[in-house]
Amino acid sequence: MKGNAPISRIYSMGQAAADPDPLATNARTERMRRDSWREHKLVIVRMSELPEPLRAAMAKWAETQWGRGS
C-alpha cells in the first residue's frame, strides 16, 4: 500500500456542533457588565444604548483618546 491510508468519511457524518444559545450569550454579557460595575465601578454600554447628546460627546471623547472606531 502506497501513501497514506484514506480516512473514513464516517467522522464527517456526526452531529453538527450546536450554535451557541443567544440568550445564554446575552446573559453572560449582562452578568459581566453587572459585575464590572459592582467590583470596579466600571460602566460598559453600547453606544446605541446612550441618549443622543451623551452618545455624541462620548464618541468625540473616544475618538480623541483612541482614534476612530469601526
N, C-alpha and C. Protein backbone atom coordinates (compact mmCIF):
# COMPACT_ATOMS: atom_id res chain seq x y z
N MET A 1 0.84 -1.16 0.00
CA MET A 1 0.00 0.00 0.00
C MET A 1 0.89 1.23 0.00
N LYS A 2 0.65 2.12 -0.96
CA LYS A 2 1.46 3.33 -1.07
C LYS A 2 0.74 4.51 -0.45
N GLY A 3 1.51 5.44 0.11
CA GLY A 3 0.93 6.67 0.64
C GLY A 3 0.17 6.46 1.94
N ASN A 4 -0.67 7.43 2.25
CA ASN A 4 -1.45 7.38 3.49
C ASN A 4 -2.76 6.65 3.27
N ALA A 5 -3.18 5.97 4.31
CA ALA A 5 -4.46 5.27 4.23
C ALA A 5 -5.59 6.30 4.23
N PRO A 6 -6.65 6.08 3.46
CA PRO A 6 -7.76 7.03 3.46
C PRO A 6 -8.46 7.04 4.83
N ILE A 7 -8.94 8.20 5.20
CA ILE A 7 -9.68 8.35 6.45
C ILE A 7 -11.16 8.15 6.16
N SER A 8 -11.79 7.39 7.01
CA SER A 8 -13.20 7.09 6.82
C SER A 8 -14.04 8.37 6.83
N ARG A 9 -15.05 8.43 5.96
CA ARG A 9 -15.96 9.58 5.91
C ARG A 9 -16.96 9.56 7.06
N ILE A 10 -16.97 8.50 7.84
CA ILE A 10 -17.93 8.41 8.94
C ILE A 10 -17.74 9.56 9.93
N TYR A 11 -16.51 10.06 10.06
CA TYR A 11 -16.23 11.13 11.02
C TYR A 11 -16.90 12.44 10.62
N SER A 12 -17.12 12.65 9.34
CA SER A 12 -17.77 13.89 8.89
C SER A 12 -19.29 13.78 8.91
N MET A 13 -19.82 12.63 9.27
CA MET A 13 -21.26 12.42 9.28
C MET A 13 -21.88 12.59 10.67
N GLY A 14 -21.09 12.96 11.65
CA GLY A 14 -21.58 13.11 13.01
C GLY A 14 -22.48 14.33 13.15
N GLN A 15 -23.05 14.48 14.32
CA GLN A 15 -23.94 15.60 14.60
C GLN A 15 -23.14 16.89 14.56
N ALA A 16 -23.69 17.87 13.88
CA ALA A 16 -23.02 19.17 13.78
C ALA A 16 -23.03 19.86 15.14
N ALA A 17 -22.01 20.66 15.37
CA ALA A 17 -21.94 21.41 16.63
C ALA A 17 -23.11 22.38 16.69
N ALA A 18 -23.74 22.46 17.84
CA ALA A 18 -24.89 23.34 18.01
C ALA A 18 -24.44 24.79 18.06
N ASP A 19 -25.25 25.67 17.49
CA ASP A 19 -24.97 27.09 17.58
C ASP A 19 -25.13 27.52 19.03
N PRO A 20 -24.29 28.47 19.48
CA PRO A 20 -24.45 28.92 20.86
C PRO A 20 -25.81 29.59 21.07
N ASP A 21 -26.36 29.38 22.21
CA ASP A 21 -27.66 29.95 22.55
C ASP A 21 -27.50 31.46 22.72
N PRO A 22 -28.19 32.27 21.90
CA PRO A 22 -28.02 33.72 22.01
C PRO A 22 -28.47 34.26 23.36
N LEU A 23 -29.45 33.62 24.00
CA LEU A 23 -29.88 34.08 25.32
C LEU A 23 -28.81 33.81 26.37
N ALA A 24 -28.13 32.68 26.25
CA ALA A 24 -27.05 32.38 27.18
C ALA A 24 -25.89 33.34 26.98
N THR A 25 -25.58 33.66 25.73
CA THR A 25 -24.51 34.61 25.44
C THR A 25 -24.87 35.98 25.98
N ASN A 26 -26.12 36.40 25.77
CA ASN A 26 -26.56 37.69 26.28
C ASN A 26 -26.54 37.73 27.80
N ALA A 27 -26.95 36.65 28.44
CA ALA A 27 -26.95 36.60 29.90
C ALA A 27 -25.53 36.71 30.43
N ARG A 28 -24.59 36.06 29.77
CA ARG A 28 -23.18 36.12 30.20
C ARG A 28 -22.65 37.55 30.07
N THR A 29 -23.00 38.21 28.97
CA THR A 29 -22.57 39.59 28.75
C THR A 29 -23.16 40.51 29.81
N GLU A 30 -24.44 40.36 30.09
CA GLU A 30 -25.08 41.20 31.10
C GLU A 30 -24.50 40.95 32.49
N ARG A 31 -24.18 39.70 32.78
CA ARG A 31 -23.57 39.38 34.07
C ARG A 31 -22.19 40.04 34.19
N MET A 32 -21.42 40.03 33.12
CA MET A 32 -20.10 40.68 33.14
C MET A 32 -20.24 42.18 33.30
N ARG A 33 -21.25 42.78 32.65
CA ARG A 33 -21.48 44.22 32.80
C ARG A 33 -21.84 44.55 34.24
N ARG A 34 -22.72 43.76 34.83
CA ARG A 34 -23.13 43.99 36.21
C ARG A 34 -21.95 43.82 37.17
N ASP A 35 -21.18 42.76 36.98
CA ASP A 35 -20.04 42.51 37.86
C ASP A 35 -18.96 43.58 37.74
N SER A 36 -18.74 44.09 36.53
CA SER A 36 -17.74 45.14 36.35
C SER A 36 -18.15 46.41 37.09
N TRP A 37 -19.44 46.68 37.13
CA TRP A 37 -19.92 47.84 37.88
C TRP A 37 -19.75 47.61 39.39
N ARG A 38 -20.19 46.46 39.84
CA ARG A 38 -20.14 46.19 41.28
C ARG A 38 -18.71 46.12 41.81
N GLU A 39 -17.82 45.51 41.06
CA GLU A 39 -16.46 45.29 41.55
C GLU A 39 -15.51 46.45 41.27
N HIS A 40 -15.71 47.14 40.13
CA HIS A 40 -14.72 48.14 39.71
C HIS A 40 -15.32 49.52 39.44
N LYS A 41 -16.64 49.64 39.62
CA LYS A 41 -17.33 50.90 39.29
C LYS A 41 -17.07 51.28 37.82
N LEU A 42 -17.05 50.27 36.97
CA LEU A 42 -16.82 50.42 35.55
C LEU A 42 -18.13 50.18 34.82
N VAL A 43 -18.58 51.15 34.03
CA VAL A 43 -19.83 51.04 33.29
C VAL A 43 -19.50 50.64 31.85
N ILE A 44 -20.15 49.60 31.37
CA ILE A 44 -19.95 49.14 30.00
C ILE A 44 -21.29 49.26 29.28
N VAL A 45 -21.33 50.11 28.27
CA VAL A 45 -22.55 50.30 27.48
C VAL A 45 -22.20 50.32 26.01
N ARG A 46 -23.17 49.95 25.20
CA ARG A 46 -23.03 50.10 23.76
C ARG A 46 -23.39 51.53 23.41
N MET A 47 -22.75 52.07 22.41
CA MET A 47 -23.04 53.44 22.01
C MET A 47 -24.52 53.59 21.67
N SER A 48 -25.12 52.57 21.10
CA SER A 48 -26.54 52.64 20.73
C SER A 48 -27.46 52.73 21.94
N GLU A 49 -26.97 52.40 23.12
CA GLU A 49 -27.78 52.46 24.33
C GLU A 49 -27.78 53.85 24.98
N LEU A 50 -26.89 54.72 24.54
CA LEU A 50 -26.78 56.04 25.14
C LEU A 50 -27.76 57.02 24.51
N PRO A 51 -28.26 57.99 25.29
CA PRO A 51 -29.09 59.04 24.69
C PRO A 51 -28.23 59.91 23.78
N GLU A 52 -28.83 60.47 22.75
CA GLU A 52 -28.09 61.16 21.69
C GLU A 52 -27.07 62.20 22.17
N PRO A 53 -27.40 63.14 23.03
CA PRO A 53 -26.38 64.13 23.40
C PRO A 53 -25.15 63.47 24.05
N LEU A 54 -25.37 62.49 24.89
CA LEU A 54 -24.26 61.80 25.55
C LEU A 54 -23.50 60.93 24.55
N ARG A 55 -24.21 60.31 23.62
CA ARG A 55 -23.58 59.46 22.60
C ARG A 55 -22.58 60.28 21.78
N ALA A 56 -22.98 61.45 21.33
CA ALA A 56 -22.10 62.29 20.52
C ALA A 56 -20.88 62.73 21.32
N ALA A 57 -21.09 63.12 22.58
CA ALA A 57 -19.98 63.56 23.42
C ALA A 57 -19.01 62.41 23.69
N MET A 58 -19.54 61.23 23.98
CA MET A 58 -18.68 60.07 24.24
C MET A 58 -17.94 59.63 22.99
N ALA A 59 -18.59 59.68 21.84
CA ALA A 59 -17.92 59.32 20.59
C ALA A 59 -16.76 60.28 20.32
N LYS A 60 -16.98 61.54 20.52
CA LYS A 60 -15.92 62.54 20.30
C LYS A 60 -14.76 62.29 21.25
N TRP A 61 -15.07 62.06 22.51
CA TRP A 61 -14.02 61.79 23.51
C TRP A 61 -13.24 60.52 23.17
N ALA A 62 -13.95 59.44 22.81
CA ALA A 62 -13.30 58.15 22.50
C ALA A 62 -12.41 58.30 21.27
N GLU A 63 -12.85 59.02 20.27
CA GLU A 63 -12.02 59.20 19.07
C GLU A 63 -10.77 60.01 19.40
N THR A 64 -10.89 60.97 20.30
CA THR A 64 -9.73 61.75 20.72
C THR A 64 -8.75 60.85 21.49
N GLN A 65 -9.28 59.99 22.35
CA GLN A 65 -8.44 59.13 23.18
C GLN A 65 -7.80 57.99 22.39
N TRP A 66 -8.60 57.30 21.57
CA TRP A 66 -8.16 56.04 20.98
C TRP A 66 -8.20 56.00 19.46
N GLY A 67 -8.66 57.06 18.82
CA GLY A 67 -8.75 57.05 17.36
C GLY A 67 -10.13 56.62 16.89
N ARG A 68 -10.34 56.69 15.62
CA ARG A 68 -11.64 56.40 15.03
C ARG A 68 -11.98 54.93 15.17
N GLY A 69 -13.24 54.64 15.56
CA GLY A 69 -13.71 53.26 15.70
C GLY A 69 -14.22 52.71 14.38
N SER A 70 -14.62 51.48 14.43
CA SER A 70 -15.12 50.83 13.20
C SER A 70 -16.59 51.06 13.01
